[in-house]
Amino acid sequence: MKPTILVADDEPSIVLSLQVLLQKAGFDVRIARNGEEALQSVEANPPDLILLDAMMPKRDGFDVCQSLRANPAHRNLPIIMLTAKSRDVERQKGMALGATDYVTKPFSTRDLIATVRKHLDPEAAL
């Protein structure tokens, strides 16, 4: 069974490129276009990993991350913050709220896939 990645981002061009990239890499992909959709999607059917944009309507990625980490059922769900906010303050905030990793846009597609694989199968990264 293929791992499922939830892409939570409100930018259609980013969503489309991530969807194509991840599907080519062998993943099932689900989409959430805002923070509320992301939380509903995780509650309905938890993915194996989330790529979470920091800046989204309704609830931002920081709030979504914090909400998921507050639920014991989702404490170990890998959450990779994917954002244009590259300052150390944002990175520290994301990590403090429970993000597993933090990738800034623009990103290398090869590096992003490697990061996703590392968090899906930490043993393989050793």
PDB file of N, CA and C in Angstrom:
ATOM      1  N   MET A   1       0.832  -1.186   0.000  1.00  0.00           N
ATOM      2  CA  MET A   1       0.000   0.000   0.000  1.00  0.00           C
ATOM      3  C   MET A   1       0.877   1.252   0.000  1.00  0.00           C
ATOM      4  N   LYS A   2       0.534   2.197  -0.860  1.00  0.00           N
ATOM      5  CA  LYS A   2       1.317   3.432  -0.966  1.00  0.00           C
ATOM      6  C   LYS A   2       1.055   4.333   0.233  1.00  0.00           C
ATOM      7  N   PRO A   3       2.096   5.002   0.742  1.00  0.00           N
ATOM      8  CA  PRO A   3       1.881   5.999   1.799  1.00  0.00           C
ATOM      9  C   PRO A   3       1.047   7.164   1.264  1.00  0.00           C
ATOM     10  N   THR A   4       0.219   7.733   2.123  1.00  0.00           N
ATOM     11  CA  THR A   4      -0.632   8.865   1.755  1.00  0.00           C
ATOM     12  C   THR A   4      -0.055  10.149   2.331  1.00  0.00           C
ATOM     13  N   ILE A   5       0.058  11.148   1.469  1.00  0.00           N
ATOM     14  CA  ILE A   5       0.551  12.468   1.866  1.00  0.00           C
ATOM     15  C   ILE A   5      -0.613  13.450   1.736  1.00  0.00           C
ATOM     16  N   LEU A   6      -0.845  14.228   2.778  1.00  0.00           N
ATOM     17  CA  LEU A   6      -1.818  15.308   2.708  1.00  0.00           C
ATOM     18  C   LEU A   6      -1.056  16.589   2.410  1.00  0.00           C
ATOM     19  N   VAL A   7      -1.382  17.221   1.289  1.00  0.00           N
ATOM     20  CA  VAL A   7      -0.790  18.503   0.921  1.00  0.00           C
ATOM     21  C   VAL A   7      -1.793  19.585   1.320  1.00  0.00           C
ATOM     22  N   ALA A   8      -1.434  20.415   2.291  1.00  0.00           N
ATOM     23  CA  ALA A   8      -2.295  21.494   2.755  1.00  0.00           C
ATOM     24  C   ALA A   8      -1.672  22.820   2.337  1.00  0.00           C
ATOM     25  N   ASP A   9      -2.218  23.402   1.263  1.00  0.00           N
ATOM     26  CA  ASP A   9      -1.685  24.644   0.707  1.00  0.00           C
ATOM     27  C   ASP A   9      -2.804  25.316  -0.076  1.00  0.00           C
ATOM     28  N   ASP A  10      -2.854  26.641  -0.049  1.00  0.00           N
ATOM     29  CA  ASP A  10      -3.923  27.366  -0.740  1.00  0.00           C
ATOM     30  C   ASP A  10      -3.506  27.889  -2.109  1.00  0.00           C
ATOM     31  N   GLU A  11      -2.271  27.664  -2.499  1.00  0.00           N
ATOM     32  CA  GLU A  11      -1.777  28.157  -3.783  1.00  0.00           C
ATOM     33  C   GLU A  11      -1.937  27.060  -4.844  1.00  0.00           C
ATOM     34  N   PRO A  12      -2.879  27.222  -5.801  1.00  0.00           N
ATOM     35  CA  PRO A  12      -3.165  26.146  -6.767  1.00  0.00           C
ATOM     36  C   PRO A  12      -1.948  25.636  -7.536  1.00  0.00           C
ATOM     37  N   SER A  13      -1.037  26.519  -7.937  1.00  0.00           N
ATOM     38  CA  SER A  13       0.122  26.068  -8.711  1.00  0.00           C
ATOM     39  C   SER A  13       1.058  25.203  -7.860  1.00  0.00           C
ATOM     40  N   ILE A  14       1.209  25.543  -6.596  1.00  0.00           N
ATOM     41  CA  ILE A  14       2.050  24.738  -5.688  1.00  0.00           C
ATOM     42  C   ILE A  14       1.390  23.379  -5.452  1.00  0.00           C
ATOM     43  N   VAL A  15       0.074  23.398  -5.206  1.00  0.00           N
ATOM     44  CA  VAL A  15      -0.665  22.156  -4.968  1.00  0.00           C
ATOM     45  C   VAL A  15      -0.498  21.219  -6.161  1.00  0.00           C
ATOM     46  N   LEU A  16      -0.691  21.746  -7.362  1.00  0.00           N
ATOM     47  CA  LEU A  16      -0.588  20.922  -8.567  1.00  0.00           C
ATOM     48  C   LEU A  16       0.817  20.359  -8.741  1.00  0.00           C
ATOM     49  N   SER A  17       1.829  21.197  -8.565  1.00  0.00           N
ATOM     50  CA  SER A  17       3.200  20.705  -8.752  1.00  0.00           C
ATOM     51  C   SER A  17       3.570  19.671  -7.685  1.00  0.00           C
ATOM     52  N   LEU A  18       3.132  19.890  -6.442  1.00  0.00           N
ATOM     53  CA  LEU A  18       3.413  18.908  -5.387  1.00  0.00           C
ATOM     54  C   LEU A  18       2.672  17.600  -5.647  1.00  0.00           C
ATOM     55  N   GLN A  19       1.438  17.712  -6.113  1.00  0.00           N
ATOM     56  CA  GLN A  19       0.646  16.518  -6.393  1.00  0.00           C
ATOM     57  C   GLN A  19       1.333  15.666  -7.466  1.00  0.00           C
ATOM     58  N   VAL A  20       1.746  16.285  -8.560  1.00  0.00           N
ATOM     59  CA  VAL A  20       2.421  15.562  -9.643  1.00  0.00           C
ATOM     60  C   VAL A  20       3.738  14.974  -9.139  1.00  0.00           C
ATOM     61  N   LEU A  21       4.528  15.769  -8.450  1.00  0.00           N
ATOM     62  CA  LEU A  21       5.820  15.326  -7.931  1.00  0.00           C
ATOM     63  C   LEU A  21       5.665  14.115  -7.005  1.00  0.00           C
ATOM     64  N   LEU A  22       4.750  14.213  -6.062  1.00  0.00           N
ATOM     65  CA  LEU A  22       4.573  13.145  -5.079  1.00  0.00           C
ATOM     66  C   LEU A  22       3.981  11.880  -5.698  1.00  0.00           C
ATOM     67  N   GLN A  23       3.059  12.049  -6.636  1.00  0.00           N
ATOM     68  CA  GLN A  23       2.494  10.872  -7.297  1.00  0.00           C
ATOM     69  C   GLN A  23       3.552  10.156  -8.132  1.00  0.00           C
ATOM     70  N   LYS A  24       4.400  10.914  -8.817  1.00  0.00           N
ATOM     71  CA  LYS A  24       5.494  10.312  -9.585  1.00  0.00           C
ATOM     72  C   LYS A  24       6.461   9.559  -8.671  1.00  0.00           C
ATOM     73  N   ALA A  25       6.590  10.042  -7.425  1.00  0.00           N
ATOM     74  CA  ALA A  25       7.491   9.408  -6.459  1.00  0.00           C
ATOM     75  C   ALA A  25       6.834   8.195  -5.776  1.00  0.00           C
ATOM     76  N   GLY A  26       5.579   7.920  -6.138  1.00  0.00           N
ATOM     77  CA  GLY A  26       4.934   6.718  -5.634  1.00  0.00           C
ATOM     78  C   GLY A  26       4.019   6.897  -4.434  1.00  0.00           C
ATOM     79  N   PHE A  27       3.559   8.111  -4.191  1.00  0.00           N
ATOM     80  CA  PHE A  27       2.694   8.369  -3.046  1.00  0.00           C
ATOM     81  C   PHE A  27       1.259   8.624  -3.496  1.00  0.00           C
ATOM     82  N   ASP A  28       0.299   8.283  -2.639  1.00  0.00           N
ATOM     83  CA  ASP A  28      -1.073   8.743  -2.814  1.00  0.00           C
ATOM     84  C   ASP A  28      -1.119  10.152  -2.242  1.00  0.00           C
ATOM     85  N   VAL A  29      -1.871  11.041  -2.887  1.00  0.00           N
ATOM     86  CA  VAL A  29      -1.899  12.442  -2.468  1.00  0.00           C
ATOM     87  C   VAL A  29      -3.339  12.884  -2.247  1.00  0.00           C
ATOM     88  N   ARG A  30      -3.559  13.525  -1.107  1.00  0.00           N
ATOM     89  CA  ARG A  30      -4.828  14.191  -0.820  1.00  0.00           C
ATOM     90  C   ARG A  30      -4.533  15.679  -0.673  1.00  0.00           C
ATOM     91  N   ILE A  31      -5.549  16.507  -0.928  1.00  0.00           N
ATOM     92  CA  ILE A  31      -5.369  17.958  -0.930  1.00  0.00           C
ATOM     93  C   ILE A  31      -6.306  18.609   0.089  1.00  0.00           C
ATOM     94  N   ALA A  32      -5.782  19.610   0.789  1.00  0.00           N
ATOM     95  CA  ALA A  32      -6.591  20.500   1.630  1.00  0.00           C
ATOM     96  C   ALA A  32      -6.187  21.918   1.257  1.00  0.00           C
ATOM     97  N   ARG A  33      -7.157  22.773   1.006  1.00  0.00           N
ATOM     98  CA  ARG A  33      -6.859  24.127   0.525  1.00  0.00           C
ATOM     99  C   ARG A  33      -6.881  25.195   1.610  1.00  0.00           C
ATOM    100  N   ASN A  34      -7.167  24.781   2.836  1.00  0.00           N
ATOM    101  CA  ASN A  34      -7.095  25.706   3.962  1.00  0.00           C
ATOM    102  C   ASN A  34      -6.920  24.900   5.247  1.00  0.00           C
ATOM    103  N   GLY A  35      -6.700  25.602   6.343  1.00  0.00           N
ATOM    104  CA  GLY A  35      -6.424  24.923   7.604  1.00  0.00           C
ATOM    105  C   GLY A  35      -7.577  24.085   8.120  1.00  0.00           C
ATOM    106  N   GLU A  36      -8.810  24.577   7.937  1.00  0.00           N
ATOM    107  CA  GLU A  36      -9.976  23.807   8.381  1.00  0.00           C
ATOM    108  C   GLU A  36     -10.081  22.492   7.612  1.00  0.00           C
ATOM    109  N   GLU A  37      -9.908  22.559   6.284  1.00  0.00           N
ATOM    110  CA  GLU A  37      -9.956  21.342   5.459  1.00  0.00           C
ATOM    111  C   GLU A  37      -8.872  20.360   5.894  1.00  0.00           C
ATOM    112  N   ALA A  38      -7.692  20.878   6.214  1.00  0.00           N
ATOM    113  CA  ALA A  38      -6.588  20.003   6.629  1.00  0.00           C
ATOM    114  C   ALA A  38      -6.958  19.243   7.899  1.00  0.00           C
ATOM    115  N   LEU A  39      -7.488  19.959   8.900  1.00  0.00           N
ATOM    116  CA  LEU A  39      -7.864  19.304  10.156  1.00  0.00           C
ATOM    117  C   LEU A  39      -8.984  18.288   9.938  1.00  0.00           C
ATOM    118  N   GLN A  40      -9.983  18.643   9.127  1.00  0.00           N
ATOM    119  CA  GLN A  40     -11.085  17.724   8.842  1.00  0.00           C
ATOM    120  C   GLN A  40     -10.576  16.478   8.129  1.00  0.00           C
ATOM    121  N   SER A  41      -9.675  16.654   7.192  1.00  0.00           N
ATOM    122  CA  SER A  41      -9.131  15.531   6.438  1.00  0.00           C
ATOM    123  C   SER A  41      -8.357  14.579   7.345  1.00  0.00           C
ATOM    124  N   VAL A  42      -7.555  15.134   8.249  1.00  0.00           N
ATOM    125  CA  VAL A  42      -6.775  14.298   9.177  1.00  0.00           C
ATOM    126  C   VAL A  42      -7.706  13.544  10.120  1.00  0.00           C
ATOM    127  N   GLU A  43      -8.745  14.210  10.610  1.00  0.00           N
ATOM    128  CA  GLU A  43      -9.688  13.555  11.522  1.00  0.00           C
ATOM    129  C   GLU A  43     -10.445  12.437  10.816  1.00  0.00           C
ATOM    130  N   ALA A  44     -10.844  12.677   9.566  1.00  0.00           N
ATOM    131  CA  ALA A  44     -11.627  11.688   8.814  1.00  0.00           C
ATOM    132  C   ALA A  44     -10.799  10.473   8.431  1.00  0.00           C
ATOM    133  N   ASN A  45      -9.551  10.711   8.036  1.00  0.00           N
ATOM    134  CA  ASN A  45      -8.697   9.622   7.555  1.00  0.00           C
ATOM    135  C   ASN A  45      -7.232  10.078   7.641  1.00  0.00           C
ATOM    136  N   PRO A  46      -6.566   9.799   8.763  1.00  0.00           N
ATOM    137  CA  PRO A  46      -5.201  10.313   8.944  1.00  0.00           C
ATOM    138  C   PRO A  46      -4.242   9.861   7.833  1.00  0.00           C
ATOM    139  N   PRO A  47      -3.496  10.815   7.273  1.00  0.00           N
ATOM    140  CA  PRO A  47      -2.484  10.464   6.270  1.00  0.00           C
ATOM    141  C   PRO A  47      -1.231   9.923   6.963  1.00  0.00           C
ATOM    142  N   ASP A  48      -0.261   9.520   6.170  1.00  0.00           N
ATOM    143  CA  ASP A  48       1.014   9.057   6.723  1.00  0.00           C
ATOM    144  C   ASP A  48       1.951  10.225   6.996  1.00  0.00           C
ATOM    145  N   LEU A  49       1.701  11.371   6.315  1.00  0.00           N
ATOM    146  CA  LEU A  49       2.551  12.554   6.468  1.00  0.00           C
ATOM    147  C   LEU A  49       1.779  13.758   5.939  1.00  0.00           C
ATOM    148  N   ILE A  50       2.058  14.937   6.496  1.00  0.00           N
ATOM    149  CA  ILE A  50       1.427  16.172   6.024  1.00  0.00           C
ATOM    150  C   ILE A  50       2.509  17.146   5.552  1.00  0.00           C
ATOM    151  N   LEU A  51       2.296  17.727   4.367  1.00  0.00           N
ATOM    152  CA  LEU A  51       3.064  18.880   3.909  1.00  0.00           C
ATOM    153  C   LEU A  51       2.158  20.071   4.166  1.00  0.00           C
ATOM    154  N   LEU A  52       2.546  20.933   5.085  1.00  0.00           N
ATOM    155  CA  LEU A  52       1.660  21.960   5.614  1.00  0.00           C
ATOM    156  C   LEU A  52       2.211  23.358   5.366  1.00  0.00           C
ATOM    157  N   ASP A  53       1.478  24.137   4.567  1.00  0.00           N
ATOM    158  CA  ASP A  53       1.863  25.532   4.317  1.00  0.00           C
ATOM    159  C   ASP A  53       1.579  26.364   5.571  1.00  0.00           C
ATOM    160  N   ALA A  54       2.457  27.282   5.883  1.00  0.00           N
ATOM    161  CA  ALA A  54       2.272  28.114   7.074  1.00  0.00           C
ATOM    162  C   ALA A  54       1.167  29.143   6.883  1.00  0.00           C
ATOM    163  N   MET A  55       1.058  29.710   5.690  1.00  0.00           N
ATOM    164  CA  MET A  55       0.105  30.787   5.446  1.00  0.00           C
ATOM    165  C   MET A  55      -1.068  30.269   4.608  1.00  0.00           C
ATOM    166  N   MET A  56      -2.200  30.017   5.283  1.00  0.00           N
ATOM    167  CA  MET A  56      -3.416  29.554   4.605  1.00  0.00           C
ATOM    168  C   MET A  56      -4.617  30.273   5.211  1.00  0.00           C
ATOM    169  N   PRO A  57      -5.727  30.331   4.450  1.00  0.00           N
ATOM    170  CA  PRO A  57      -6.936  30.942   5.007  1.00  0.00           C
ATOM    171  C   PRO A  57      -7.591  30.048   6.064  1.00  0.00           C
ATOM    172  N   LYS A  58      -8.491  30.640   6.800  1.00  0.00           N
ATOM    173  CA  LYS A  58      -9.289  30.022   7.867  1.00  0.00           C
ATOM    174  C   LYS A  58      -8.461  29.684   9.089  1.00  0.00           C
ATOM    175  N   ARG A  59      -7.463  28.815   8.958  1.00  0.00           N
ATOM    176  CA  ARG A  59      -6.518  28.550  10.060  1.00  0.00           C
ATOM    177  C   ARG A  59      -5.150  28.377   9.427  1.00  0.00           C
ATOM    178  N   ASP A  60      -4.149  29.092   9.944  1.00  0.00           N
ATOM    179  CA  ASP A  60      -2.821  28.973   9.336  1.00  0.00           C
ATOM    180  C   ASP A  60      -2.159  27.655   9.741  1.00  0.00           C
ATOM    181  N   GLY A  61      -1.065  27.346   9.075  1.00  0.00           N
ATOM    182  CA  GLY A  61      -0.372  26.083   9.317  1.00  0.00           C
ATOM    183  C   GLY A  61       0.154  25.940  10.733  1.00  0.00           C
ATOM    184  N   PHE A  62       0.551  27.052  11.346  1.00  0.00           N
ATOM    185  CA  PHE A  62       1.041  26.984  12.727  1.00  0.00           C
ATOM    186  C   PHE A  62      -0.085  26.532  13.659  1.00  0.00           C
ATOM    187  N   ASP A  63      -1.280  27.077  13.445  1.00  0.00           N
ATOM    188  CA  ASP A  63      -2.437  26.711  14.255  1.00  0.00           C
ATOM    189  C   ASP A  63      -2.828  25.243  14.015  1.00  0.00           C
ATOM    190  N   VAL A  64      -2.812  24.830  12.755  1.00  0.00           N
ATOM    191  CA  VAL A  64      -3.133  23.436  12.409  1.00  0.00           C
ATOM    192  C   VAL A  64      -2.140  22.489  13.083  1.00  0.00           C
ATOM    193  N   CYS A  65      -0.871  22.806  13.002  1.00  0.00           N
ATOM    194  CA  CYS A  65       0.169  21.984  13.618  1.00  0.00           C
ATOM    195  C   CYS A  65      -0.056  21.869  15.121  1.00  0.00           C
ATOM    196  N   GLN A  66      -0.309  23.002  15.763  1.00  0.00           N
ATOM    197  CA  GLN A  66      -0.529  23.012  17.204  1.00  0.00           C
ATOM    198  C   GLN A  66      -1.770  22.190  17.575  1.00  0.00           C
ATOM    199  N   SER A  67      -2.841  22.316  16.797  1.00  0.00           N
ATOM    200  CA  SER A  67      -4.068  21.557  17.058  1.00  0.00           C
ATOM    201  C   SER A  67      -3.837  20.061  16.916  1.00  0.00           C
ATOM    202  N   LEU A  68      -3.102  19.669  15.887  1.00  0.00           N
ATOM    203  CA  LEU A  68      -2.834  18.241  15.688  1.00  0.00           C
ATOM    204  C   LEU A  68      -1.970  17.681  16.814  1.00  0.00           C
ATOM    205  N   ARG A  69      -0.988  18.441  17.247  1.00  0.00           N
ATOM    206  CA  ARG A  69      -0.097  17.974  18.316  1.00  0.00           C
ATOM    207  C   ARG A  69      -0.816  17.898  19.662  1.00  0.00           C
ATOM    208  N   ALA A  70      -1.891  18.659  19.822  1.00  0.00           N
ATOM    209  CA  ALA A  70      -2.659  18.620  21.065  1.00  0.00           C
ATOM    210  C   ALA A  70      -3.500  17.346  21.167  1.00  0.00           C
ATOM    211  N   ASN A  71      -3.714  16.672  20.042  1.00  0.00           N
ATOM    212  CA  ASN A  71      -4.502  15.438  20.005  1.00  0.00           C
ATOM    213  C   ASN A  71      -3.547  14.241  20.081  1.00  0.00           C
ATOM    214  N   PRO A  72      -3.642  13.437  21.144  1.00  0.00           N
ATOM    215  CA  PRO A  72      -2.720  12.296  21.296  1.00  0.00           C
ATOM    216  C   PRO A  72      -2.713  11.342  20.095  1.00  0.00           C
ATOM    217  N   ALA A  73      -3.817  11.262  19.386  1.00  0.00           N
ATOM    218  CA  ALA A  73      -3.894  10.369  18.226  1.00  0.00           C
ATOM    219  C   ALA A  73      -2.978  10.823  17.086  1.00  0.00           C
ATOM    220  N   HIS A  74      -2.603  12.095  17.081  1.00  0.00           N
ATOM    221  CA  HIS A  74      -1.801  12.635  15.973  1.00  0.00           C
ATOM    222  C   HIS A  74      -0.427  13.127  16.416  1.00  0.00           C
ATOM    223  N   ARG A  75      -0.037  12.792  17.631  1.00  0.00           N
ATOM    224  CA  ARG A  75       1.249  13.278  18.151  1.00  0.00           C
ATOM    225  C   ARG A  75       2.447  12.842  17.325  1.00  0.00           C
ATOM    226  N   ASN A  76       2.373  11.644  16.742  1.00  0.00           N
ATOM    227  CA  ASN A  76       3.525  11.119  16.006  1.00  0.00           C
ATOM    228  C   ASN A  76       3.395  11.258  14.492  1.00  0.00           C
ATOM    229  N   LEU A  77       2.351  11.930  14.038  1.00  0.00           N
ATOM    230  CA  LEU A  77       2.150  12.145  12.608  1.00  0.00           C
ATOM    231  C   LEU A  77       3.214  13.114  12.090  1.00  0.00           C
ATOM    232  N   PRO A  78       4.020  12.700  11.104  1.00  0.00           N
ATOM    233  CA  PRO A  78       5.039  13.625  10.585  1.00  0.00           C
ATOM    234  C   PRO A  78       4.395  14.835   9.899  1.00  0.00           C
ATOM    235  N   ILE A  79       4.797  16.018  10.330  1.00  0.00           N
ATOM    236  CA  ILE A  79       4.299  17.269   9.753  1.00  0.00           C
ATOM    237  C   ILE A  79       5.507  18.063   9.256  1.00  0.00           C
ATOM    238  N   ILE A  80       5.549  18.269   7.949  1.00  0.00           N
ATOM    239  CA  ILE A  80       6.620  19.071   7.356  1.00  0.00           C
ATOM    240  C   ILE A  80       6.017  20.415   6.975  1.00  0.00           C
ATOM    241  N   MET A  81       6.454  21.463   7.659  1.00  0.00           N
ATOM    242  CA  MET A  81       6.007  22.818   7.316  1.00  0.00           C
ATOM    243  C   MET A  81       6.699  23.194   6.006  1.00  0.00           C
ATOM    244  N   LEU A  82       5.902  23.674   5.066  1.00  0.00           N
ATOM    245  CA  LEU A  82       6.405  24.036   3.747  1.00  0.00           C
ATOM    246  C   LEU A  82       5.985  25.477   3.513  1.00  0.00           C
ATOM    247  N   THR A  83       6.947  26.391   3.556  1.00  0.00           N
ATOM    248  CA  THR A  83       6.555  27.793   3.564  1.00  0.00           C
ATOM    249  C   THR A  83       7.594  28.729   2.959  1.00  0.00           C
ATOM    250  N   ALA A  84       7.109  29.876   2.526  1.00  0.00           N
ATOM    251  CA  ALA A  84       8.002  30.917   2.016  1.00  0.00           C
ATOM    252  C   ALA A  84       8.638  31.696   3.158  1.00  0.00           C
ATOM    253  N   LYS A  85       8.134  31.502   4.358  1.00  0.00           N
ATOM    254  CA  LYS A  85       8.681  32.202   5.529  1.00  0.00           C
ATOM    255  C   LYS A  85       9.986  31.527   5.939  1.00  0.00           C
ATOM    256  N   SER A  86      11.090  32.159   5.603  1.00  0.00           N
ATOM    257  CA  SER A  86      12.388  31.505   5.808  1.00  0.00           C
ATOM    258  C   SER A  86      13.174  32.049   6.998  1.00  0.00           C
ATOM    259  N   ARG A  87      12.631  33.047   7.679  1.00  0.00           N
ATOM    260  CA  ARG A  87      13.367  33.598   8.817  1.00  0.00           C
ATOM    261  C   ARG A  87      13.443  32.574   9.945  1.00  0.00           C
ATOM    262  N   ASP A  88      14.509  32.652  10.715  1.00  0.00           N
ATOM    263  CA  ASP A  88      14.698  31.727  11.830  1.00  0.00           C
ATOM    264  C   ASP A  88      13.538  31.758  12.820  1.00  0.00           C
ATOM    265  N   VAL A  89      12.927  32.936  12.995  1.00  0.00           N
ATOM    266  CA  VAL A  89      11.815  33.069  13.940  1.00  0.00           C
ATOM    267  C   VAL A  89      10.665  32.141  13.540  1.00  0.00           C
ATOM    268  N   GLU A  90      10.323  32.123  12.242  1.00  0.00           N
ATOM    269  CA  GLU A  90       9.239  31.254  11.774  1.00  0.00           C
ATOM    270  C   GLU A  90       9.620  29.790  11.905  1.00  0.00           C
ATOM    271  N   ARG A  91      10.852  29.464  11.562  1.00  0.00           N
ATOM    272  CA  ARG A  91      11.325  28.078  11.683  1.00  0.00           C
ATOM    273  C   ARG A  91      11.218  27.636  13.146  1.00  0.00           C
ATOM    274  N   GLN A  92      11.700  28.470  14.047  1.00  0.00           N
ATOM    275  CA  GLN A  92      11.650  28.125  15.476  1.00  0.00           C
ATOM    276  C   GLN A  92      10.207  27.981  15.956  1.00  0.00           C
ATOM    277  N   LYS A  93       9.338  28.857  15.489  1.00  0.00           N
ATOM    278  CA  LYS A  93       7.929  28.780  15.877  1.00  0.00           C
ATOM    279  C   LYS A  93       7.321  27.460  15.394  1.00  0.00           C
ATOM    280  N   GLY A  94       7.556  27.113  14.134  1.00  0.00           N
ATOM    281  CA  GLY A  94       7.030  25.866  13.581  1.00  0.00           C
ATOM    282  C   GLY A  94       7.529  24.649  14.346  1.00  0.00           C
ATOM    283  N   MET A  95       8.798  24.633  14.641  1.00  0.00           N
ATOM    284  CA  MET A  95       9.382  23.495  15.365  1.00  0.00           C
ATOM    285  C   MET A  95       8.861  23.456  16.805  1.00  0.00           C
ATOM    286  N   ALA A  96       8.714  24.624  17.429  1.00  0.00           N
ATOM    287  CA  ALA A  96       8.212  24.678  18.807  1.00  0.00           C
ATOM    288  C   ALA A  96       6.767  24.196  18.893  1.00  0.00           C
ATOM    289  N   LEU A  97       5.996  24.414  17.837  1.00  0.00           N
ATOM    290  CA  LEU A  97       4.597  23.978  17.827  1.00  0.00           C
ATOM    291  C   LEU A  97       4.447  22.506  17.456  1.00  0.00           C
ATOM    292  N   GLY A  98       5.562  21.863  17.122  1.00  0.00           N
ATOM    293  CA  GLY A  98       5.504  20.427  16.892  1.00  0.00           C
ATOM    294  C   GLY A  98       5.782  19.957  15.482  1.00  0.00           C
ATOM    295  N   ALA A  99       6.190  20.863  14.594  1.00  0.00           N
ATOM    296  CA  ALA A  99       6.527  20.410  13.239  1.00  0.00           C
ATOM    297  C   ALA A  99       7.699  19.438  13.302  1.00  0.00           C
ATOM    298  N   THR A 100       7.650  18.440  12.439  1.00  0.00           N
ATOM    299  CA  THR A 100       8.714  17.450  12.371  1.00  0.00           C
ATOM    300  C   THR A 100       9.908  18.010  11.610  1.00  0.00           C
ATOM    301  N   ASP A 101       9.609  18.846  10.606  1.00  0.00           N
ATOM    302  CA  ASP A 101      10.657  19.440   9.780  1.00  0.00           C
ATOM    303  C   ASP A 101      10.100  20.732   9.185  1.00  0.00           C
ATOM    304  N   TYR A 102      10.993  21.513   8.555  1.00  0.00           N
ATOM    305  CA  TYR A 102      10.626  22.825   8.038  1.00  0.00           C
ATOM    306  C   TYR A 102      11.376  23.027   6.725  1.00  0.00           C
ATOM    307  N   VAL A 103      10.626  23.162   5.629  1.00  0.00           N
ATOM    308  CA  VAL A 103      11.227  23.335   4.308  1.00  0.00           C
ATOM    309  C   VAL A 103      10.761  24.676   3.747  1.00  0.00           C
ATOM    310  N   THR A 104      11.694  25.480   3.251  1.00  0.00           N
ATOM    311  CA  THR A 104      11.316  26.789   2.719  1.00  0.00           C
ATOM    312  C   THR A 104      11.170  26.752   1.200  1.00  0.00           C
ATOM    313  N   LYS A 105      10.217  27.570   0.717  1.00  0.00           N
ATOM    314  CA  LYS A 105      10.000  27.734  -0.720  1.00  0.00           C
ATOM    315  C   LYS A 105      10.904  28.865  -1.191  1.00  0.00           C
ATOM    316  N   PRO A 106      11.461  28.808  -2.369  1.00  0.00           N
ATOM    317  CA  PRO A 106      11.424  27.663  -3.282  1.00  0.00           C
ATOM    318  C   PRO A 106      12.297  26.533  -2.756  1.00  0.00           C
ATOM    319  N   PHE A 107      11.938  25.322  -3.104  1.00  0.00           N
ATOM    320  CA  PHE A 107      12.651  24.159  -2.597  1.00  0.00           C
ATOM    321  C   PHE A 107      13.098  23.280  -3.758  1.00  0.00           C
ATOM    322  N   SER A 108      14.101  22.485  -3.499  1.00  0.00           N
ATOM    323  CA  SER A 108      14.552  21.499  -4.471  1.00  0.00           C
ATOM    324  C   SER A 108      13.594  20.315  -4.404  1.00  0.00           C
ATOM    325  N   THR A 109      13.058  19.919  -5.550  1.00  0.00           N
ATOM    326  CA  THR A 109      12.119  18.786  -5.552  1.00  0.00           C
ATOM    327  C   THR A 109      12.799  17.512  -5.069  1.00  0.00           C
ATOM    328  N   ARG A 110      14.039  17.319  -5.442  1.00  0.00           N
ATOM    329  CA  ARG A 110      14.773  16.125  -5.002  1.00  0.00           C
ATOM    330  C   ARG A 110      14.950  16.128  -3.485  1.00  0.00           C
ATOM    331  N   ASP A 111      15.302  17.290  -2.934  1.00  0.00           N
ATOM    332  CA  ASP A 111      15.469  17.391  -1.479  1.00  0.00           C
ATOM    333  C   ASP A 111      14.146  17.190  -0.745  1.00  0.00           C
ATOM    334  N   LEU A 112      13.054  17.726  -1.322  1.00  0.00           N
ATOM    335  CA  LEU A 112      11.754  17.563  -0.685  1.00  0.00           C
ATOM    336  C   LEU A 112      11.351  16.087  -0.624  1.00  0.00           C
ATOM    337  N   ILE A 113      11.520  15.377  -1.720  1.00  0.00           N
ATOM    338  CA  ILE A 113      11.179  13.944  -1.741  1.00  0.00           C
ATOM    339  C   ILE A 113      12.056  13.186  -0.751  1.00  0.00           C
ATOM    340  N   ALA A 114      13.332  13.540  -0.675  1.00  0.00           N
ATOM    341  CA  ALA A 114      14.234  12.887   0.288  1.00  0.00           C
ATOM    342  C   ALA A 114      13.770  13.156   1.721  1.00  0.00           C
ATOM    343  N   THR A 115      13.333  14.376   1.999  1.00  0.00           N
ATOM    344  CA  THR A 115      12.846  14.723   3.337  1.00  0.00           C
ATOM    345  C   THR A 115      11.572  13.946   3.659  1.00  0.00           C
ATOM    346  N   VAL A 116      10.661  13.857   2.702  1.00  0.00           N
ATOM    347  CA  VAL A 116       9.421  13.091   2.899  1.00  0.00           C
ATOM    348  C   VAL A 116       9.757  11.635   3.200  1.00  0.00           C
ATOM    349  N   ARG A 117      10.603  11.039   2.379  1.00  0.00           N
ATOM    350  CA  ARG A 117      10.975   9.622   2.585  1.00  0.00           C
ATOM    351  C   ARG A 117      11.654   9.419   3.947  1.00  0.00           C
ATOM    352  N   LYS A 118      12.505  10.367   4.344  1.00  0.00           N
ATOM    353  CA  LYS A 118      13.208  10.263   5.625  1.00  0.00           C
ATOM    354  C   LYS A 118      12.215  10.201   6.788  1.00  0.00           C
ATOM    355  N   HIS A 119      11.160  11.010   6.712  1.00  0.00           N
ATOM    356  CA  HIS A 119      10.198  11.041   7.818  1.00  0.00           C
ATOM    357  C   HIS A 119       9.160   9.918   7.759  1.00  0.00           C
ATOM    358  N   LEU A 120       8.970   9.344   6.578  1.00  0.00           N
ATOM    359  CA  LEU A 120       8.071   8.198   6.475  1.00  0.00           C
ATOM    360  C   LEU A 120       8.756   6.918   6.942  1.00  0.00           C
ATOM    361  N   ASP A 121      10.052   6.835   6.683  1.00  0.00           N
ATOM    362  CA  ASP A 121      10.795   5.625   7.049  1.00  0.00           C
ATOM    363  C   ASP A 121      12.160   6.020   7.604  1.00  0.00           C
ATOM    364  N   PRO A 122      12.193   6.436   8.883  1.00  0.00           N
ATOM    365  CA  PRO A 122      13.449   6.898   9.476  1.00  0.00           C
ATOM    366  C   PRO A 122      14.566   5.838   9.425  1.00  0.00           C
ATOM    367  N   GLU A 123      14.193   4.576   9.443  1.00  0.00           N
ATOM    368  CA  GLU A 123      15.204   3.495   9.386  1.00  0.00           C
ATOM    369  C   GLU A 123      15.973   3.529   8.067  1.00  0.00           C
ATOM    370  N   ALA A 124      15.251   3.836   6.980  1.00  0.00           N
ATOM    371  CA  ALA A 124      15.873   3.842   5.649  1.00  0.00           C
ATOM    372  C   ALA A 124      16.864   4.980   5.504  1.00  0.00           C
ATOM    373  N   ALA A 125      16.715   6.034   6.277  1.00  0.00           N
ATOM    374  CA  ALA A 125      17.591   7.194   6.177  1.00  0.00           C
ATOM    375  C   ALA A 125      18.933   6.970   6.860  1.00  0.00           C
ATOM    376  N   LEU A 126      19.044   5.903   7.644  1.00  0.00           N
ATOM    377  CA  LEU A 126      20.294   5.654   8.372  1.00  0.00           C
ATOM    378  C   LEU A 126      21.380   5.109   7.485  1.00  0.00           C
TER     379      LEU A 126
END
